[in-house]
Amino acid sequence: MKALLLIIIGVIGGVIGGMGMGGGTLLIPLLTIFVGVEQHSAQALNLLAFIPMSVVAIAIHIKNKLIDFKQVLPIAIPAVAAGVGSSVLSKLTGARALSRWFGLFLVSLGIYQLISAIVALVKNIREKRRELLKMPDEVDSRHISATLF
């Protein structure tokens, strides 16, 4: 039964990761909550699962000419350095504290995503309102603006 649960969690993490949303944000909590994997191990498994997914994603992006190779090194070098530093830091941190920090990260990420969605929605509403207000003169623009809000 545990093997089936691990397969299901792997598929979910792979699908979410393949969509570019960061499968680890889902994979790590699923492993720790439902399978009882220790936080350090769950994060290590996530990093190992990320390697083949990222290789495939890079190959697809190269094929579709979506990578600007001039920007790879300025981004990759600090990212690798931060990854190594964070790995060392996580090893020095206890499992309970690491779980709490990861939870705080997920909550912060959720709040950020929610605010971003609200801002995008407001911008979309404003753009549609501006488009409606540019209608021909025979339409009463006061009526349109009154019905929008």
N, C-alpha and C. Protein backbone atom coordinates (compact mmCIF):
# COMPACT_ATOMS: atom_id res chain seq x y z
N MET A 1 0.83 -1.20 0.00
CA MET A 1 0.00 0.00 0.00
C MET A 1 0.87 1.26 0.00
N LYS A 2 1.96 1.22 0.78
CA LYS A 2 2.85 2.38 0.85
C LYS A 2 3.50 2.64 -0.52
N ALA A 3 3.83 1.57 -1.24
CA ALA A 3 4.43 1.73 -2.57
C ALA A 3 3.45 2.41 -3.53
N LEU A 4 2.19 2.03 -3.46
CA LEU A 4 1.18 2.65 -4.31
C LEU A 4 1.03 4.14 -3.97
N LEU A 5 1.04 4.45 -2.69
CA LEU A 5 0.95 5.85 -2.25
C LEU A 5 2.15 6.65 -2.75
N LEU A 6 3.33 6.05 -2.69
CA LEU A 6 4.53 6.73 -3.18
C LEU A 6 4.45 6.97 -4.69
N ILE A 7 3.91 6.01 -5.43
CA ILE A 7 3.76 6.17 -6.88
C ILE A 7 2.78 7.30 -7.19
N ILE A 8 1.66 7.32 -6.47
CA ILE A 8 0.67 8.38 -6.69
C ILE A 8 1.27 9.75 -6.38
N ILE A 9 1.99 9.85 -5.26
CA ILE A 9 2.64 11.11 -4.89
C ILE A 9 3.67 11.51 -5.94
N GLY A 10 4.42 10.54 -6.46
CA GLY A 10 5.40 10.82 -7.50
C GLY A 10 4.76 11.34 -8.78
N VAL A 11 3.64 10.74 -9.16
CA VAL A 11 2.93 11.19 -10.36
C VAL A 11 2.41 12.61 -10.17
N ILE A 12 1.81 12.88 -9.01
CA ILE A 12 1.29 14.23 -8.73
C ILE A 12 2.43 15.25 -8.77
N GLY A 13 3.54 14.94 -8.10
CA GLY A 13 4.69 15.85 -8.10
C GLY A 13 5.26 16.05 -9.49
N GLY A 14 5.30 14.98 -10.28
CA GLY A 14 5.81 15.07 -11.64
C GLY A 14 4.93 15.91 -12.55
N VAL A 15 3.62 15.73 -12.43
CA VAL A 15 2.70 16.51 -13.25
C VAL A 15 2.80 17.99 -12.89
N ILE A 16 2.77 18.29 -11.60
CA ILE A 16 2.85 19.68 -11.16
C ILE A 16 4.20 20.28 -11.56
N GLY A 17 5.27 19.52 -11.37
CA GLY A 17 6.60 19.99 -11.77
C GLY A 17 6.72 20.18 -13.26
N GLY A 18 6.12 19.28 -14.04
CA GLY A 18 6.15 19.38 -15.49
C GLY A 18 5.39 20.58 -16.01
N MET A 19 4.43 21.04 -15.23
CA MET A 19 3.66 22.22 -15.62
C MET A 19 4.42 23.50 -15.26
N GLY A 20 5.56 23.34 -14.60
CA GLY A 20 6.38 24.50 -14.27
C GLY A 20 6.00 25.18 -12.97
N MET A 21 5.22 24.50 -12.15
CA MET A 21 4.75 25.13 -10.92
C MET A 21 5.58 24.76 -9.70
N GLY A 22 6.58 23.95 -9.85
CA GLY A 22 7.38 23.55 -8.70
C GLY A 22 6.74 22.39 -7.96
N GLY A 23 6.99 21.20 -8.44
CA GLY A 23 6.41 20.01 -7.84
C GLY A 23 6.80 19.80 -6.39
N GLY A 24 7.95 20.35 -5.99
CA GLY A 24 8.42 20.19 -4.62
C GLY A 24 7.53 20.86 -3.60
N THR A 25 6.87 21.93 -4.00
CA THR A 25 5.97 22.59 -3.06
C THR A 25 4.81 21.69 -2.69
N LEU A 26 4.54 20.69 -3.50
CA LEU A 26 3.49 19.73 -3.19
C LEU A 26 4.10 18.40 -2.75
N LEU A 27 5.19 18.00 -3.40
CA LEU A 27 5.81 16.70 -3.13
C LEU A 27 6.30 16.59 -1.69
N ILE A 28 6.97 17.59 -1.19
CA ILE A 28 7.53 17.53 0.16
C ILE A 28 6.44 17.40 1.22
N PRO A 29 5.40 18.24 1.21
CA PRO A 29 4.34 18.05 2.22
C PRO A 29 3.63 16.69 2.08
N LEU A 30 3.41 16.23 0.85
CA LEU A 30 2.76 14.93 0.68
C LEU A 30 3.60 13.81 1.29
N LEU A 31 4.91 13.86 1.06
CA LEU A 31 5.79 12.82 1.61
C LEU A 31 5.85 12.87 3.13
N THR A 32 5.91 14.07 3.68
CA THR A 32 6.04 14.17 5.14
C THR A 32 4.72 13.87 5.85
N ILE A 33 3.62 14.33 5.30
CA ILE A 33 2.32 14.16 5.97
C ILE A 33 1.75 12.76 5.78
N PHE A 34 1.70 12.28 4.54
CA PHE A 34 1.00 11.03 4.25
C PHE A 34 1.86 9.78 4.31
N VAL A 35 3.18 9.93 4.12
CA VAL A 35 4.05 8.76 4.14
C VAL A 35 4.93 8.73 5.37
N GLY A 36 5.04 9.88 6.06
CA GLY A 36 5.85 9.93 7.27
C GLY A 36 7.34 10.05 7.02
N VAL A 37 7.72 10.51 5.83
CA VAL A 37 9.13 10.69 5.50
C VAL A 37 9.65 11.89 6.28
N GLU A 38 10.83 11.77 6.85
CA GLU A 38 11.45 12.86 7.61
C GLU A 38 11.74 14.02 6.66
N GLN A 39 11.64 15.24 7.16
CA GLN A 39 11.74 16.46 6.35
C GLN A 39 13.01 16.50 5.50
N HIS A 40 14.16 16.20 6.08
CA HIS A 40 15.42 16.22 5.32
C HIS A 40 15.37 15.23 4.17
N SER A 41 14.86 14.05 4.44
CA SER A 41 14.78 13.03 3.39
C SER A 41 13.80 13.43 2.30
N ALA A 42 12.68 14.03 2.68
CA ALA A 42 11.69 14.47 1.69
C ALA A 42 12.30 15.53 0.77
N GLN A 43 13.05 16.46 1.34
CA GLN A 43 13.68 17.49 0.52
C GLN A 43 14.76 16.90 -0.37
N ALA A 44 15.50 15.91 0.14
CA ALA A 44 16.52 15.25 -0.68
C ALA A 44 15.85 14.49 -1.84
N LEU A 45 14.75 13.79 -1.55
CA LEU A 45 14.02 13.09 -2.61
C LEU A 45 13.50 14.06 -3.65
N ASN A 46 13.02 15.20 -3.20
CA ASN A 46 12.53 16.21 -4.13
C ASN A 46 13.65 16.68 -5.06
N LEU A 47 14.82 16.91 -4.49
CA LEU A 47 15.95 17.36 -5.31
C LEU A 47 16.37 16.29 -6.31
N LEU A 48 16.37 15.03 -5.88
CA LEU A 48 16.72 13.94 -6.80
C LEU A 48 15.67 13.80 -7.91
N ALA A 49 14.41 13.95 -7.57
CA ALA A 49 13.34 13.86 -8.58
C ALA A 49 13.42 15.03 -9.54
N PHE A 50 13.92 16.15 -9.07
CA PHE A 50 14.00 17.36 -9.89
C PHE A 50 15.03 17.21 -11.02
N ILE A 51 16.07 16.43 -10.80
CA ILE A 51 17.14 16.31 -11.80
C ILE A 51 16.62 15.80 -13.14
N PRO A 52 15.96 14.63 -13.22
CA PRO A 52 15.49 14.20 -14.54
C PRO A 52 14.42 15.11 -15.14
N MET A 53 13.56 15.66 -14.27
CA MET A 53 12.52 16.57 -14.78
C MET A 53 13.16 17.81 -15.40
N SER A 54 14.19 18.34 -14.75
CA SER A 54 14.82 19.56 -15.27
C SER A 54 15.60 19.27 -16.55
N VAL A 55 16.22 18.09 -16.65
CA VAL A 55 16.94 17.73 -17.88
C VAL A 55 15.98 17.67 -19.06
N VAL A 56 14.83 17.04 -18.85
CA VAL A 56 13.82 16.96 -19.92
C VAL A 56 13.31 18.36 -20.27
N ALA A 57 13.02 19.17 -19.25
CA ALA A 57 12.51 20.53 -19.49
C ALA A 57 13.53 21.36 -20.25
N ILE A 58 14.80 21.26 -19.88
CA ILE A 58 15.84 22.02 -20.58
C ILE A 58 15.94 21.57 -22.03
N ALA A 59 15.89 20.25 -22.27
CA ALA A 59 15.96 19.75 -23.65
C ALA A 59 14.79 20.28 -24.48
N ILE A 60 13.61 20.29 -23.91
CA ILE A 60 12.43 20.81 -24.64
C ILE A 60 12.58 22.30 -24.91
N HIS A 61 13.04 23.05 -23.91
CA HIS A 61 13.21 24.49 -24.08
C HIS A 61 14.30 24.82 -25.09
N ILE A 62 15.37 24.03 -25.12
CA ILE A 62 16.42 24.24 -26.13
C ILE A 62 15.85 23.95 -27.51
N LYS A 63 15.11 22.85 -27.64
CA LYS A 63 14.50 22.49 -28.93
C LYS A 63 13.58 23.60 -29.43
N ASN A 64 12.82 24.22 -28.53
CA ASN A 64 11.88 25.27 -28.89
C ASN A 64 12.52 26.66 -28.92
N LYS A 65 13.85 26.70 -28.76
CA LYS A 65 14.63 27.94 -28.79
C LYS A 65 14.11 28.98 -27.80
N LEU A 66 13.85 28.53 -26.58
CA LEU A 66 13.32 29.41 -25.54
C LEU A 66 14.37 29.80 -24.50
N ILE A 67 15.61 29.37 -24.70
CA ILE A 67 16.67 29.68 -23.74
C ILE A 67 17.62 30.72 -24.34
N ASP A 68 17.81 31.80 -23.61
CA ASP A 68 18.77 32.83 -24.00
C ASP A 68 20.09 32.49 -23.29
N PHE A 69 21.00 31.88 -24.03
CA PHE A 69 22.23 31.37 -23.44
C PHE A 69 23.12 32.47 -22.88
N LYS A 70 22.93 33.72 -23.29
CA LYS A 70 23.71 34.82 -22.74
C LYS A 70 23.35 35.08 -21.28
N GLN A 71 22.14 34.69 -20.88
CA GLN A 71 21.68 34.93 -19.52
C GLN A 71 21.82 33.71 -18.61
N VAL A 72 22.27 32.59 -19.14
CA VAL A 72 22.34 31.36 -18.34
C VAL A 72 23.36 31.46 -17.21
N LEU A 73 24.59 31.84 -17.51
CA LEU A 73 25.63 31.89 -16.47
C LEU A 73 25.34 32.90 -15.37
N PRO A 74 24.91 34.13 -15.70
CA PRO A 74 24.62 35.07 -14.61
C PRO A 74 23.48 34.60 -13.69
N ILE A 75 22.63 33.73 -14.19
CA ILE A 75 21.55 33.20 -13.36
C ILE A 75 21.97 31.90 -12.68
N ALA A 76 22.64 31.02 -13.44
CA ALA A 76 22.96 29.68 -12.94
C ALA A 76 24.01 29.71 -11.83
N ILE A 77 25.02 30.53 -11.95
CA ILE A 77 26.10 30.54 -10.95
C ILE A 77 25.58 30.93 -9.56
N PRO A 78 24.85 32.05 -9.42
CA PRO A 78 24.32 32.36 -8.09
C PRO A 78 23.28 31.33 -7.61
N ALA A 79 22.51 30.77 -8.55
CA ALA A 79 21.51 29.78 -8.16
C ALA A 79 22.16 28.52 -7.60
N VAL A 80 23.23 28.05 -8.25
CA VAL A 80 23.94 26.87 -7.76
C VAL A 80 24.60 27.18 -6.41
N ALA A 81 25.23 28.34 -6.29
CA ALA A 81 25.85 28.72 -5.02
C ALA A 81 24.82 28.79 -3.90
N ALA A 82 23.66 29.39 -4.18
CA ALA A 82 22.60 29.47 -3.16
C ALA A 82 22.07 28.08 -2.83
N GLY A 83 21.97 27.21 -3.82
CA GLY A 83 21.51 25.84 -3.58
C GLY A 83 22.46 25.07 -2.69
N VAL A 84 23.75 25.20 -2.94
CA VAL A 84 24.75 24.52 -2.10
C VAL A 84 24.71 25.09 -0.69
N GLY A 85 24.68 26.40 -0.58
CA GLY A 85 24.63 27.03 0.73
C GLY A 85 23.37 26.64 1.50
N SER A 86 22.24 26.60 0.82
CA SER A 86 20.99 26.22 1.47
C SER A 86 21.00 24.76 1.90
N SER A 87 21.62 23.90 1.10
CA SER A 87 21.72 22.49 1.48
C SER A 87 22.54 22.32 2.75
N VAL A 88 23.66 23.04 2.84
CA VAL A 88 24.48 22.98 4.04
C VAL A 88 23.70 23.52 5.23
N LEU A 89 23.01 24.63 5.05
CA LEU A 89 22.21 25.22 6.11
C LEU A 89 21.09 24.28 6.57
N SER A 90 20.44 23.61 5.63
CA SER A 90 19.35 22.70 5.99
C SER A 90 19.88 21.50 6.77
N LYS A 91 21.09 21.08 6.46
CA LYS A 91 21.68 19.95 7.20
C LYS A 91 21.99 20.34 8.64
N LEU A 92 22.33 21.61 8.86
CA LEU A 92 22.63 22.10 10.20
C LEU A 92 21.36 22.39 11.01
N THR A 93 20.22 22.45 10.33
CA THR A 93 18.95 22.76 10.97
C THR A 93 18.24 21.48 11.36
N GLY A 94 17.61 21.48 12.51
CA GLY A 94 16.86 20.31 12.95
C GLY A 94 15.64 20.08 12.07
N ALA A 95 15.16 18.84 12.06
CA ALA A 95 14.02 18.48 11.20
C ALA A 95 12.78 19.29 11.54
N ARG A 96 12.52 19.49 12.83
CA ARG A 96 11.32 20.23 13.23
C ARG A 96 11.40 21.69 12.77
N ALA A 97 12.56 22.32 12.98
CA ALA A 97 12.73 23.71 12.56
C ALA A 97 12.67 23.82 11.03
N LEU A 98 13.25 22.84 10.35
CA LEU A 98 13.22 22.84 8.89
C LEU A 98 11.79 22.73 8.38
N SER A 99 10.99 21.90 9.02
CA SER A 99 9.57 21.77 8.65
C SER A 99 8.84 23.08 8.85
N ARG A 100 9.12 23.74 9.95
CA ARG A 100 8.45 25.03 10.21
C ARG A 100 8.87 26.08 9.20
N TRP A 101 10.17 26.15 8.87
CA TRP A 101 10.64 27.13 7.89
C TRP A 101 10.04 26.84 6.51
N PHE A 102 9.95 25.56 6.16
CA PHE A 102 9.37 25.19 4.88
C PHE A 102 7.88 25.55 4.86
N GLY A 103 7.18 25.31 5.96
CA GLY A 103 5.78 25.69 6.07
C GLY A 103 5.60 27.19 5.94
N LEU A 104 6.47 27.96 6.58
CA LEU A 104 6.42 29.42 6.47
C LEU A 104 6.66 29.86 5.03
N PHE A 105 7.60 29.19 4.37
CA PHE A 105 7.86 29.47 2.96
C PHE A 105 6.61 29.22 2.12
N LEU A 106 5.94 28.08 2.34
CA LEU A 106 4.74 27.75 1.57
C LEU A 106 3.61 28.74 1.82
N VAL A 107 3.44 29.14 3.07
CA VAL A 107 2.39 30.13 3.39
C VAL A 107 2.72 31.46 2.71
N SER A 108 3.97 31.88 2.78
CA SER A 108 4.39 33.13 2.13
C SER A 108 4.17 33.05 0.62
N LEU A 109 4.51 31.93 0.03
CA LEU A 109 4.32 31.73 -1.39
C LEU A 109 2.84 31.78 -1.75
N GLY A 110 2.00 31.17 -0.93
CA GLY A 110 0.56 31.20 -1.16
C GLY A 110 0.00 32.61 -1.09
N ILE A 111 0.44 33.38 -0.10
CA ILE A 111 -0.02 34.77 0.04
C ILE A 111 0.43 35.59 -1.17
N TYR A 112 1.67 35.39 -1.59
CA TYR A 112 2.18 36.10 -2.76
C TYR A 112 1.36 35.76 -4.00
N GLN A 113 1.07 34.48 -4.20
CA GLN A 113 0.29 34.05 -5.37
C GLN A 113 -1.12 34.63 -5.32
N LEU A 114 -1.72 34.65 -4.14
CA LEU A 114 -3.06 35.21 -3.99
C LEU A 114 -3.08 36.70 -4.33
N ILE A 115 -2.12 37.44 -3.80
CA ILE A 115 -2.03 38.88 -4.09
C ILE A 115 -1.79 39.11 -5.58
N SER A 116 -0.91 38.30 -6.18
CA SER A 116 -0.64 38.44 -7.62
C SER A 116 -1.89 38.18 -8.44
N ALA A 117 -2.68 37.18 -8.05
CA ALA A 117 -3.91 36.87 -8.77
C ALA A 117 -4.92 38.01 -8.64
N ILE A 118 -5.03 38.57 -7.46
CA ILE A 118 -5.96 39.69 -7.25
C ILE A 118 -5.53 40.91 -8.07
N VAL A 119 -4.25 41.22 -8.07
CA VAL A 119 -3.74 42.36 -8.84
C VAL A 119 -4.01 42.14 -10.33
N ALA A 120 -3.76 40.92 -10.82
CA ALA A 120 -4.01 40.62 -12.24
C ALA A 120 -5.49 40.75 -12.57
N LEU A 121 -6.35 40.31 -11.68
CA LEU A 121 -7.79 40.40 -11.89
C LEU A 121 -8.23 41.87 -11.95
N VAL A 122 -7.74 42.68 -11.03
CA VAL A 122 -8.09 44.10 -11.02
C VAL A 122 -7.61 44.77 -12.31
N LYS A 123 -6.38 44.46 -12.75
CA LYS A 123 -5.87 45.03 -14.01
C LYS A 123 -6.75 44.62 -15.18
N ASN A 124 -7.15 43.36 -15.19
CA ASN A 124 -7.99 42.85 -16.27
C ASN A 124 -9.33 43.57 -16.30
N ILE A 125 -9.93 43.77 -15.14
CA ILE A 125 -11.22 44.48 -15.05
C ILE A 125 -11.05 45.92 -15.54
N ARG A 126 -9.98 46.58 -15.13
CA ARG A 126 -9.74 47.96 -15.56
C ARG A 126 -9.55 48.05 -17.07
N GLU A 127 -8.81 47.10 -17.66
CA GLU A 127 -8.60 47.10 -19.10
C GLU A 127 -9.91 46.90 -19.84
N LYS A 128 -10.74 45.98 -19.37
CA LYS A 128 -12.03 45.75 -20.02
C LYS A 128 -12.92 46.97 -19.90
N ARG A 129 -12.85 47.62 -18.76
CA ARG A 129 -13.65 48.84 -18.55
C ARG A 129 -13.21 49.92 -19.52
N ARG A 130 -11.89 50.08 -19.69
CA ARG A 130 -11.38 51.09 -20.63
C ARG A 130 -11.82 50.76 -22.06
N GLU A 131 -11.81 49.47 -22.42
CA GLU A 131 -12.24 49.07 -23.76
C GLU A 131 -13.72 49.39 -23.97
N LEU A 132 -14.53 49.13 -22.96
CA LEU A 132 -15.97 49.41 -23.07
C LEU A 132 -16.24 50.90 -23.18
N LEU A 133 -15.44 51.69 -22.51
CA LEU A 133 -15.65 53.13 -22.54
C LEU A 133 -15.24 53.75 -23.88
N LYS A 134 -14.53 52.98 -24.71
CA LYS A 134 -14.11 53.47 -26.02
C LYS A 134 -15.13 53.10 -27.10
N MET A 135 -16.31 52.69 -26.71
CA MET A 135 -17.36 52.31 -27.66
C MET A 135 -17.87 53.54 -28.41
N PRO A 136 -18.63 53.33 -29.49
CA PRO A 136 -19.16 54.46 -30.28
C PRO A 136 -19.96 55.43 -29.44
N ASP A 137 -20.12 56.65 -29.96
CA ASP A 137 -20.76 57.73 -29.23
C ASP A 137 -22.23 57.47 -28.91
N GLU A 138 -22.92 56.66 -29.70
CA GLU A 138 -24.34 56.46 -29.45
C GLU A 138 -24.60 55.67 -28.17
N VAL A 139 -23.56 55.02 -27.61
CA VAL A 139 -23.72 54.29 -26.35
C VAL A 139 -23.41 55.24 -25.21
N ASP A 140 -24.26 55.28 -24.23
CA ASP A 140 -24.09 56.18 -23.09
C ASP A 140 -23.01 55.60 -22.17
N SER A 141 -21.84 56.21 -22.12
CA SER A 141 -20.72 55.70 -21.33
C SER A 141 -21.00 55.75 -19.84
N ARG A 142 -21.86 56.68 -19.39
CA ARG A 142 -22.19 56.73 -17.96
C ARG A 142 -22.94 55.48 -17.55
N HIS A 143 -23.78 54.97 -18.45
CA HIS A 143 -24.52 53.74 -18.15
C HIS A 143 -23.56 52.55 -18.04
N ILE A 144 -22.57 52.50 -18.94
CA ILE A 144 -21.61 51.39 -18.93
C ILE A 144 -20.80 51.42 -17.64
N SER A 145 -20.27 52.57 -17.27
CA SER A 145 -19.44 52.63 -16.06
C SER A 145 -20.26 52.33 -14.82
N ALA A 146 -21.52 52.68 -14.82
CA ALA A 146 -22.37 52.41 -13.66
C ALA A 146 -22.66 50.92 -13.54
N THR A 147 -22.72 50.21 -14.67
CA THR A 147 -23.02 48.78 -14.60
C THR A 147 -21.78 47.95 -14.29
N LEU A 148 -20.60 48.52 -14.50
CA LEU A 148 -19.37 47.77 -14.20
C LEU A 148 -19.10 47.67 -12.71
N PHE A 149 -19.48 48.67 -11.97
CA PHE A 149 -19.15 48.65 -10.54
C PHE A 149 -20.35 48.89 -9.71
